[in-house]
Amino acid sequence: MQEARKYFNMGIEPLLNTRGMRDIQWERLPGAIRYCYENVPFERRRMEKEGVKPQDIRSLDDFQRALKPVGQAEFRQVYEEFHLDMDKVWMHLFGKDRMDDLFLLTTTSGTTGVPTPYPVFHKTTETMGELFGRIGWRIGMRAGDKLAVCFGLSMHAAGTPHLFWFKRNRGVTLIPIGAEAGTERILQFIKLFKANMFSGTPSLALHLIERAPEVLGAPVRSLGLKTLLLGAEPGAGIPEIRSRLEEEYGAKVHDVGAGYGVSCDHPEYQGMHWVADDHCLYELVDPETLRPLPLEHGATGLACFTPLAPEAGLFFHHLRFTLNDIHQVFTDPCPCGFSGFRYKIVGRADDMLKVKGTPVYPVAIQGVINGFVPRITGTFRIVLTEKPPRVVPPLKLTVEHGEGVREEELPGLEKEIVEKMHHVLHIRPSISWIRPFSLERASKKTQLLEKRYES
């Protein structure tokens, strides 16, 4: 391998987001549809319900009309149908051939309901090595680097598979610490083993900033990390959070996930570059009507994924599968010079709130809140007293003020935040102030919604 080359895969990556690559996708899609129909009971049932067979699908329009997107809701129905007999559930969802090839069982964190299964098959490990080879190369991962793996390792799709994701990045050492170790051990182990790269959630990275002086007797910058690879929740793509992390750590922050993508190191966040056109068909659909949307610069919709080699797919094993994430895409060339269209996470479809008819996503509120650090800690909760999406105004927020902020300063600070929310998001929330570090910190995903109606 030539260390100076631009891409991990010089044969494929220059072709990403080109007409030639779209031709390759269409050449592969019919085989993927046929495989799923012949080998996966869940997919065969979907097609039979719609009265279509693989040979009936002759174009992308046919494909989009024939099958609606599927995700966690449909998986939940399968769980109920088989009474949580997981052997039957997995056989139905993935088929005998793939289950005979099963290598590793992982799931989502399950923080929003039933965990979504993400099995890893032996054939999948090659796909993992290739796609994360591309991601690792783009973030500057090279021989001699040491990556501290700080996602939850237990059953988490973003955790244990790390041990195989970067296997083709020869010379890179993986240090599987895991979020379960707790912040104190994470900080100690990163220092002890001299890791220079970190992977985990933005929540954890922010929490380590707070804990480092106590645990290490020095700021988090003293660890000498050069790269933070952050995912599993929004944060690294929020400019205010990204800039804070880069300043505190003295490191480059890269956003990863919600598909096969990673952000570049352009000074202004450009979204995540999609690196997998040859492995997965990416679509946008209207989150309400589920009708397909043109994949054009600035378009926003529910992201859907179809593996082009289902027997060896990574994470996405079903036709038109959705994580329920709302993406905005950017198809114009990125100023960083790397290939691939880009996408950024706007929010989750099931997290959308409506205040006086105005759609608001928690991640957008988080972006505004973090613009006021250090006068606030950046930790807050959205308090819901009724089941969403409808919110009776004003939207209620519980916010930690910063250390050293006096009580008499809070009304003025609240006015600034409310005015910024009104300018950016067209809402005027009410704020309840609490002392710094009153709210629970998360080493995995932070839950921004406090659902008091469930109490």
Protein backbone atom coordinates (compact mmCIF):
# COMPACT_ATOMS: atom_id res chain seq x y z
CA MET A 1 0.00 0.00 0.00
CA GLN A 2 1.19 3.50 -0.83
CA GLU A 3 0.68 5.68 2.24
CA ALA A 4 0.34 8.82 0.09
CA ARG A 5 -2.58 7.63 -2.02
CA LYS A 6 -5.77 9.65 -1.70
CA TYR A 7 -8.25 6.80 -1.15
CA PHE A 8 -8.20 3.39 0.47
CA ASN A 9 -9.76 1.91 -2.70
CA MET A 10 -8.45 3.86 -5.67
CA GLY A 11 -10.48 1.73 -8.09
CA ILE A 12 -13.90 2.49 -6.59
CA GLU A 13 -13.88 5.64 -4.46
CA PRO A 14 -13.18 8.13 -7.27
CA LEU A 15 -16.41 6.84 -8.91
CA LEU A 16 -18.69 7.52 -5.94
CA ASN A 17 -21.71 9.71 -6.71
CA THR A 18 -21.25 9.47 -10.49
CA ARG A 19 -23.53 8.33 -13.29
CA GLY A 20 -21.25 5.36 -13.88
CA MET A 21 -21.69 4.23 -10.28
CA ARG A 22 -25.47 4.51 -10.58
CA ASP A 23 -25.29 2.16 -13.57
CA ILE A 24 -23.32 -0.31 -11.43
CA GLN A 25 -25.96 -0.07 -8.70
CA TRP A 26 -28.77 -0.90 -11.09
CA GLU A 27 -26.81 -3.84 -12.48
CA ARG A 28 -26.52 -5.27 -8.95
CA LEU A 29 -29.98 -4.44 -7.58
CA PRO A 30 -31.98 -7.15 -9.46
CA GLY A 31 -29.70 -9.85 -8.03
CA ALA A 32 -30.18 -8.44 -4.52
CA ILE A 33 -33.97 -8.47 -4.91
CA ARG A 34 -33.91 -12.04 -6.25
CA TYR A 35 -31.67 -13.24 -3.41
CA CYS A 36 -33.99 -11.75 -0.78
CA TYR A 37 -37.10 -13.24 -2.42
CA GLU A 38 -35.59 -16.72 -2.67
CA ASN A 39 -33.80 -16.87 0.68
CA VAL A 40 -35.41 -14.54 3.22
CA PRO A 41 -38.96 -15.37 4.43
CA PHE A 42 -39.53 -11.81 5.66
CA GLU A 43 -38.73 -10.38 2.22
CA ARG A 44 -40.67 -13.02 0.31
CA ARG A 45 -43.73 -12.26 2.44
CA ARG A 46 -43.35 -8.53 1.73
CA MET A 47 -43.32 -9.11 -2.01
CA GLU A 48 -46.15 -11.61 -1.95
CA LYS A 49 -48.27 -9.18 0.05
CA GLU A 50 -47.76 -6.58 -2.69
CA GLY A 51 -48.36 -9.15 -5.44
CA VAL A 52 -44.94 -8.76 -7.05
CA LYS A 53 -42.08 -11.07 -7.94
CA PRO A 54 -38.47 -10.12 -8.68
CA GLN A 55 -39.01 -10.35 -12.44
CA ASP A 56 -41.77 -7.72 -12.18
CA ILE A 57 -39.28 -5.10 -11.00
CA ARG A 58 -37.63 -3.67 -14.10
CA SER A 59 -36.70 -0.19 -12.94
CA LEU A 60 -35.96 1.84 -9.84
CA ASP A 61 -39.48 3.26 -10.06
CA ASP A 62 -40.89 -0.29 -10.04
CA PHE A 63 -38.78 -1.10 -6.99
CA GLN A 64 -39.90 1.97 -5.08
CA ARG A 65 -43.56 1.39 -5.92
CA ALA A 66 -43.44 -2.32 -5.08
CA LEU A 67 -41.99 -2.12 -1.57
CA LYS A 68 -42.53 0.37 1.22
CA PRO A 69 -39.64 1.13 3.57
CA VAL A 70 -39.34 -1.13 6.63
CA GLY A 71 -37.68 -0.73 9.98
CA GLN A 72 -38.11 -1.18 13.69
CA ALA A 73 -41.94 -1.20 13.60
CA GLU A 74 -42.01 -4.15 11.20
CA PHE A 75 -39.37 -6.00 13.22
CA ARG A 76 -41.49 -5.51 16.32
CA GLN A 77 -44.38 -7.24 14.56
CA VAL A 78 -42.14 -10.22 13.81
CA TYR A 79 -41.06 -10.38 17.46
CA GLU A 80 -44.71 -10.49 18.49
CA GLU A 81 -45.64 -13.05 15.84
CA PHE A 82 -43.01 -15.50 17.09
CA HIS A 83 -43.50 -14.61 20.79
CA LEU A 84 -39.87 -13.49 21.16
CA ASP A 85 -38.56 -16.91 20.16
CA MET A 86 -35.38 -15.39 18.78
CA ASP A 87 -34.30 -18.47 16.83
CA LYS A 88 -37.52 -18.21 14.80
CA VAL A 89 -37.37 -14.42 14.63
CA TRP A 90 -33.88 -14.33 13.21
CA MET A 91 -34.52 -17.18 10.79
CA HIS A 92 -37.57 -15.31 9.47
CA LEU A 93 -35.77 -11.97 9.21
CA PHE A 94 -32.51 -13.19 7.70
CA GLY A 95 -33.02 -16.64 6.19
CA LYS A 96 -31.37 -20.02 6.73
CA ASP A 97 -28.35 -19.49 4.49
CA ARG A 98 -27.28 -16.36 6.32
CA MET A 99 -28.06 -17.74 9.77
CA ASP A 100 -25.88 -20.77 8.99
CA ASP A 101 -23.13 -18.24 8.27
CA LEU A 102 -23.76 -16.28 11.49
CA PHE A 103 -20.62 -14.99 13.17
CA LEU A 104 -21.66 -12.30 15.65
CA LEU A 105 -24.94 -11.08 17.17
CA THR A 106 -25.28 -7.34 17.75
CA THR A 107 -28.17 -4.89 18.07
CA THR A 108 -28.86 -1.19 18.38
CA SER A 109 -28.86 0.15 21.92
CA GLY A 110 -32.64 -0.20 22.08
CA THR A 111 -33.02 3.24 23.65
CA THR A 112 -36.10 4.03 21.57
CA GLY A 113 -37.84 0.67 21.89
CA VAL A 114 -37.16 -2.88 20.69
CA PRO A 115 -33.48 -3.24 19.68
CA THR A 116 -32.95 -3.52 15.93
CA PRO A 117 -30.92 -6.67 15.15
CA TYR A 118 -27.62 -6.25 13.31
CA PRO A 119 -26.16 -9.72 12.81
CA VAL A 120 -22.65 -10.05 11.43
CA PHE A 121 -22.03 -12.97 9.08
CA HIS A 122 -18.67 -14.47 8.12
CA LYS A 123 -19.17 -13.09 4.61
CA THR A 124 -19.91 -9.70 6.16
CA THR A 125 -16.46 -9.34 7.68
CA GLU A 126 -14.96 -8.69 4.26
CA THR A 127 -17.50 -5.92 3.65
CA MET A 128 -16.71 -4.50 7.09
CA GLY A 129 -13.00 -4.45 6.39
CA GLU A 130 -13.49 -2.75 3.04
CA LEU A 131 -15.96 -0.04 4.10
CA PHE A 132 -14.21 0.86 7.32
CA GLY A 133 -10.90 0.71 5.55
CA ARG A 134 -12.25 3.53 3.41
CA ILE A 135 -13.48 5.43 6.47
CA GLY A 136 -10.26 4.90 8.42
CA TRP A 137 -8.12 6.04 5.53
CA ARG A 138 -10.14 9.24 5.10
CA ILE A 139 -9.70 10.25 8.75
CA GLY A 140 -5.95 9.71 8.55
CA MET A 141 -5.76 6.30 10.23
CA ARG A 142 -2.39 4.79 9.39
CA ALA A 143 0.03 2.15 10.64
CA GLY A 144 1.18 2.93 14.16
CA ASP A 145 -2.09 4.51 15.30
CA LYS A 146 -3.87 3.19 18.41
CA LEU A 147 -7.67 3.41 18.50
CA ALA A 148 -9.46 3.38 21.87
CA VAL A 149 -12.84 1.71 21.23
CA CYS A 150 -15.23 3.33 23.71
CA PHE A 151 -18.63 2.52 22.30
CA GLY A 152 -20.63 0.02 24.35
CA LEU A 153 -19.10 -3.37 23.56
CA SER A 154 -21.89 -5.55 24.93
CA MET A 155 -24.29 -6.41 22.06
CA HIS A 156 -23.82 -2.94 20.56
CA ALA A 157 -23.44 -2.79 16.80
CA ALA A 158 -21.01 0.13 17.12
CA GLY A 159 -18.88 -1.66 19.72
CA THR A 160 -17.54 -5.19 19.29
CA PRO A 161 -17.59 -5.06 15.45
CA HIS A 162 -14.85 -2.42 15.69
CA LEU A 163 -12.51 -5.36 16.19
CA PHE A 164 -13.22 -6.36 12.60
CA TRP A 165 -14.09 -3.02 11.00
CA PHE A 166 -10.51 -1.85 10.76
CA LYS A 167 -8.83 -5.21 10.20
CA ARG A 168 -7.62 -4.13 6.77
CA ASN A 169 -5.91 -1.06 8.21
CA ARG A 170 -2.69 -2.94 8.77
CA GLY A 171 -0.55 -1.73 11.65
CA VAL A 172 -3.43 -0.10 13.53
CA THR A 173 -3.86 -1.28 17.13
CA LEU A 174 -7.37 -1.52 18.58
CA ILE A 175 -7.85 -1.08 22.33
CA PRO A 176 -11.36 -2.31 23.28
CA ILE A 177 -12.18 -0.41 26.47
CA GLY A 178 -15.94 -0.05 26.06
CA ALA A 179 -18.36 2.47 27.54
CA GLU A 180 -19.15 -0.12 30.24
CA ALA A 181 -15.73 0.52 31.79
CA GLY A 182 -16.88 3.93 33.01
CA THR A 183 -15.29 7.31 32.46
CA GLU A 184 -12.53 6.91 35.06
CA ARG A 185 -11.11 3.73 33.52
CA ILE A 186 -11.57 5.05 30.00
CA LEU A 187 -9.40 8.06 30.80
CA GLN A 188 -6.84 5.96 32.66
CA PHE A 189 -6.60 3.32 29.92
CA ILE A 190 -6.27 5.88 27.11
CA LYS A 191 -3.37 7.43 29.01
CA LEU A 192 -1.80 4.11 30.02
CA PHE A 193 -1.87 2.55 26.55
CA LYS A 194 -1.09 5.82 24.73
CA ALA A 195 -4.07 5.70 22.38
CA ASN A 196 -4.01 8.56 19.89
CA MET A 197 -7.48 7.99 18.39
CA PHE A 198 -10.83 7.67 20.17
CA SER A 199 -14.17 6.24 19.08
CA GLY A 200 -17.39 6.66 21.07
CA THR A 201 -20.47 8.83 21.42
CA PRO A 202 -20.30 12.62 21.46
CA SER A 203 -21.97 12.46 24.90
CA LEU A 204 -19.10 10.42 26.26
CA ALA A 205 -16.48 12.67 24.69
CA LEU A 206 -18.13 15.70 26.32
CA HIS A 207 -18.35 13.94 29.67
CA LEU A 208 -14.64 13.09 29.56
CA ILE A 209 -13.90 16.82 29.31
CA GLU A 210 -15.66 17.29 32.66
CA ARG A 211 -14.03 14.28 34.34
CA ALA A 212 -10.43 14.58 33.10
CA PRO A 213 -9.25 17.23 35.61
CA GLU A 214 -10.55 15.13 38.51
CA VAL A 215 -9.28 11.75 37.23
CA LEU A 216 -6.03 12.77 35.53
CA GLY A 217 -5.26 15.99 37.32
CA ALA A 218 -5.00 17.59 33.89
CA PRO A 219 -7.33 18.67 31.08
CA VAL A 220 -8.46 16.11 28.51
CA ARG A 221 -6.08 17.70 25.99
CA SER A 222 -3.21 16.15 27.98
CA LEU A 223 -4.12 12.71 26.56
CA GLY A 224 -2.66 13.71 23.20
CA LEU A 225 -5.51 12.31 21.10
CA LYS A 226 -5.29 13.42 17.47
CA THR A 227 -8.66 12.13 16.23
CA LEU A 228 -12.16 11.65 17.66
CA LEU A 229 -14.41 9.32 15.63
CA LEU A 230 -17.88 9.95 17.04
CA GLY A 231 -21.26 8.43 16.27
CA ALA A 232 -24.42 6.60 17.43
CA GLU A 233 -26.09 9.95 18.13
CA PRO A 234 -26.02 13.49 16.76
CA GLY A 235 -23.35 15.79 18.13
CA ALA A 236 -20.21 15.64 16.04
CA GLY A 237 -22.18 17.24 13.21
CA ILE A 238 -23.44 20.13 15.35
CA PRO A 239 -20.99 23.03 14.77
CA GLU A 240 -21.12 24.24 18.38
CA ILE A 241 -20.37 20.79 19.79
CA ARG A 242 -17.77 20.00 17.15
CA SER A 243 -15.83 23.22 17.79
CA ARG A 244 -15.96 22.70 21.55
CA LEU A 245 -14.61 19.16 21.26
CA GLU A 246 -11.83 20.16 18.88
CA GLU A 247 -10.78 23.02 21.14
CA GLU A 248 -10.86 20.98 24.37
CA TYR A 249 -9.09 17.91 22.95
CA GLY A 250 -6.81 19.64 20.47
CA ALA A 251 -7.98 16.95 18.02
CA LYS A 252 -9.87 16.58 14.75
CA VAL A 253 -13.50 15.50 15.17
CA HIS A 254 -15.09 13.18 12.61
CA ASP A 255 -18.78 12.30 12.49
CA VAL A 256 -19.55 8.69 11.51
CA GLY A 257 -22.63 6.53 11.12
CA ALA A 258 -26.36 6.60 10.32
CA GLY A 259 -25.20 4.78 7.21
CA TYR A 260 -21.81 4.21 5.64
CA GLY A 261 -20.38 7.69 5.98
CA VAL A 262 -17.74 9.83 7.66
CA SER A 263 -17.19 13.57 7.75
CA CYS A 264 -14.10 15.20 6.33
CA ASP A 265 -11.89 17.66 8.21
CA HIS A 266 -12.98 20.77 6.34
CA PRO A 267 -13.11 23.69 8.82
CA GLU A 268 -16.88 23.99 8.28
CA TYR A 269 -18.93 20.82 8.75
CA GLN A 270 -19.93 19.50 5.33
CA GLY A 271 -21.89 16.42 6.39
CA MET A 272 -20.72 12.82 6.16
CA HIS A 273 -19.33 11.53 2.87
CA TRP A 274 -21.17 8.40 1.75
CA VAL A 275 -18.46 5.85 0.88
CA ALA A 276 -20.52 2.81 -0.16
CA ASP A 277 -22.35 3.36 -3.46
CA ASP A 278 -21.07 0.00 -4.70
CA HIS A 279 -22.41 -1.84 -1.61
CA CYS A 280 -25.67 -0.09 -0.80
CA LEU A 281 -28.40 1.84 -2.60
CA TYR A 282 -29.24 5.04 -0.68
CA GLU A 283 -32.64 6.71 -1.04
CA LEU A 284 -34.63 9.55 0.50
CA VAL A 285 -38.40 9.32 0.98
CA ASP A 286 -41.00 11.69 2.33
CA PRO A 287 -41.34 10.77 6.04
CA GLU A 288 -45.14 11.11 5.93
CA THR A 289 -46.16 9.81 2.49
CA LEU A 290 -43.10 7.50 2.03
CA ARG A 291 -42.93 8.59 -1.59
CA PRO A 292 -39.41 8.74 -3.06
CA LEU A 293 -37.63 12.09 -3.18
CA PRO A 294 -35.02 13.11 -5.77
CA LEU A 295 -31.49 12.71 -4.45
CA GLU A 296 -30.48 16.28 -5.20
CA HIS A 297 -28.48 18.97 -3.43
CA GLY A 298 -30.25 20.16 -0.29
CA ALA A 299 -33.01 17.53 -0.32
CA THR A 300 -34.29 16.37 3.08
CA GLY A 301 -36.13 13.14 3.88
CA LEU A 302 -36.19 9.77 5.58
CA ALA A 303 -33.08 7.78 4.60
CA CYS A 304 -33.54 4.22 3.30
CA PHE A 305 -30.90 1.61 2.49
CA THR A 306 -30.84 -1.47 0.26
CA PRO A 307 -27.85 -3.84 0.28
CA LEU A 308 -26.56 -4.66 -3.19
CA ALA A 309 -25.04 -7.95 -1.95
CA PRO A 310 -27.44 -9.02 0.86
CA GLU A 311 -25.58 -12.22 1.68
CA ALA A 312 -22.57 -10.13 2.71
CA GLY A 313 -24.28 -6.90 3.74
CA LEU A 314 -23.15 -4.88 6.74
CA PHE A 315 -25.91 -3.62 9.09
CA PHE A 316 -28.46 -3.18 6.31
CA HIS A 317 -29.84 -6.60 5.35
CA HIS A 318 -33.31 -5.71 4.08
CA LEU A 319 -34.72 -4.00 1.02
CA ARG A 320 -35.46 -0.30 1.65
CA PHE A 321 -34.55 -0.49 5.33
CA THR A 322 -34.74 2.67 7.43
CA LEU A 323 -33.17 3.66 10.74
CA ASN A 324 -35.90 6.32 11.04
CA ASP A 325 -33.31 9.09 10.62
CA ILE A 326 -34.09 12.26 8.71
CA HIS A 327 -31.15 13.23 6.48
CA GLN A 328 -30.30 16.23 4.38
CA VAL A 329 -28.09 15.43 1.39
CA PHE A 330 -25.53 17.46 -0.51
CA THR A 331 -24.62 16.25 -3.98
CA ASP A 332 -22.42 19.14 -5.13
CA PRO A 333 -18.65 18.54 -4.85
CA CYS A 334 -17.28 19.01 -1.34
CA PRO A 335 -14.66 21.75 -0.92
CA CYS A 336 -12.44 19.16 0.81
CA GLY A 337 -11.95 17.41 -2.55
CA PHE A 338 -13.08 13.93 -1.44
CA SER A 339 -15.65 11.96 -3.42
CA GLY A 340 -19.14 10.86 -2.39
CA PHE A 341 -22.35 12.77 -1.83
CA ARG A 342 -22.76 13.98 1.75
CA TYR A 343 -25.53 13.71 4.29
CA LYS A 344 -26.18 15.18 7.71
CA ILE A 345 -28.64 14.06 10.36
CA VAL A 346 -31.51 16.48 10.85
CA GLY A 347 -33.21 14.33 13.50
CA ARG A 348 -35.18 11.15 14.04
CA ALA A 349 -38.64 10.83 12.54
CA ASP A 350 -39.97 9.45 15.82
CA ASP A 351 -38.37 12.30 17.84
CA MET A 352 -39.98 15.12 15.88
CA LEU A 353 -41.95 17.59 17.98
CA LYS A 354 -44.55 20.03 16.70
CA VAL A 355 -44.94 23.35 18.50
CA LYS A 356 -47.79 25.43 17.02
CA GLY A 357 -47.43 23.29 13.91
CA THR A 358 -43.70 24.01 13.60
CA PRO A 359 -41.58 20.83 13.35
CA VAL A 360 -38.67 20.83 15.80
CA TYR A 361 -36.02 18.14 16.30
CA PRO A 362 -34.16 17.69 19.61
CA VAL A 363 -30.83 17.76 17.79
CA ALA A 364 -31.60 21.28 16.53
CA ILE A 365 -32.36 22.43 20.08
CA GLN A 366 -29.10 20.82 21.19
CA GLY A 367 -27.21 22.88 18.61
CA VAL A 368 -28.60 26.16 19.95
CA ILE A 369 -28.02 25.17 23.59
CA ASN A 370 -24.38 24.30 23.00
CA GLY A 371 -23.76 27.72 21.51
CA PHE A 372 -24.02 29.14 25.05
CA VAL A 373 -21.31 27.01 26.68
CA PRO A 374 -19.58 27.78 29.13
CA ARG A 375 -22.35 29.96 30.56
CA ILE A 376 -24.30 26.70 30.53
CA THR A 377 -22.81 23.21 30.77
CA GLY A 378 -24.50 22.08 27.54
CA THR A 379 -26.52 19.40 29.34
CA PHE A 380 -30.30 19.80 29.22
CA ARG A 381 -33.57 17.92 28.87
CA ILE A 382 -36.72 18.57 26.86
CA VAL A 383 -39.61 18.01 29.27
CA LEU A 384 -42.72 16.45 27.73
CA THR A 385 -45.93 16.26 29.72
CA GLU A 386 -47.99 14.85 26.84
CA LYS A 387 -47.22 12.21 24.24
CA PRO A 388 -45.48 13.77 21.20
CA PRO A 389 -45.33 14.96 18.51
CA ARG A 390 -47.78 17.71 19.48
CA VAL A 391 -46.46 20.02 22.20
CA VAL A 392 -48.67 22.54 23.94
CA PRO A 393 -46.52 25.70 23.97
CA PRO A 394 -44.27 26.73 25.43
CA LEU A 395 -41.82 23.87 24.97
CA LYS A 396 -40.29 23.21 28.39
CA LEU A 397 -36.53 22.86 28.86
CA THR A 398 -34.51 21.99 31.95
CA VAL A 399 -31.03 23.47 31.55
CA GLU A 400 -27.90 23.35 33.71
CA HIS A 401 -26.31 26.76 34.11
CA GLY A 402 -22.55 26.98 34.05
CA GLU A 403 -20.27 27.05 37.05
CA GLY A 404 -19.75 30.55 38.36
CA VAL A 405 -22.96 31.90 36.80
CA ARG A 406 -24.85 33.87 39.45
CA GLU A 407 -28.58 33.52 39.98
CA GLU A 408 -29.20 37.15 39.08
CA GLU A 409 -27.59 36.54 35.66
CA LEU A 410 -30.02 33.76 34.71
CA PRO A 411 -32.97 35.91 33.51
CA GLY A 412 -30.73 37.71 31.02
CA LEU A 413 -29.17 34.43 29.86
CA GLU A 414 -32.61 32.89 29.46
CA LYS A 415 -33.73 35.83 27.32
CA GLU A 416 -30.71 35.36 25.03
CA ILE A 417 -31.37 31.63 24.60
CA VAL A 418 -35.08 32.14 23.94
CA GLU A 419 -34.38 34.82 21.34
CA LYS A 420 -31.83 32.57 19.62
CA MET A 421 -34.33 29.67 19.61
CA HIS A 422 -36.95 31.96 18.11
CA HIS A 423 -34.56 33.20 15.42
CA VAL A 424 -33.25 29.73 14.46
CA LEU A 425 -36.13 27.36 15.24
CA HIS A 426 -39.18 29.68 15.44
CA ILE A 427 -40.06 28.62 19.00
CA ARG A 428 -39.94 30.39 22.37
CA PRO A 429 -39.30 27.76 25.05
CA SER A 430 -39.60 28.18 28.79
CA ILE A 431 -36.46 27.34 30.78
CA SER A 432 -36.13 25.87 34.27
CA TRP A 433 -32.61 26.31 35.62
CA ILE A 434 -30.75 23.72 37.67
CA ARG A 435 -27.25 23.56 39.12
CA PRO A 436 -24.28 22.25 37.09
CA PHE A 437 -23.91 18.46 36.91
CA SER A 438 -27.43 17.82 38.28
CA LEU A 439 -28.50 15.77 35.26
CA GLU A 440 -27.23 12.26 34.61
CA ARG A 441 -24.38 11.95 32.13
CA ALA A 442 -24.40 9.10 29.62
CA SER A 443 -21.45 7.03 28.45
CA LYS A 444 -23.63 5.68 25.64
CA LYS A 445 -26.52 7.63 24.13
CA THR A 446 -27.93 10.64 25.93
CA GLN A 447 -31.71 10.78 26.10
CA LEU A 448 -32.69 14.40 25.54
CA LEU A 449 -36.41 13.78 26.11
CA GLU A 450 -37.78 13.55 29.65
CA LYS A 451 -41.17 11.87 29.21
CA ARG A 452 -43.10 12.82 32.32
CA TYR A 453 -46.37 11.61 30.81
CA GLU A 454 -45.05 8.05 31.26
CA SER A 455 -44.53 8.52 35.02
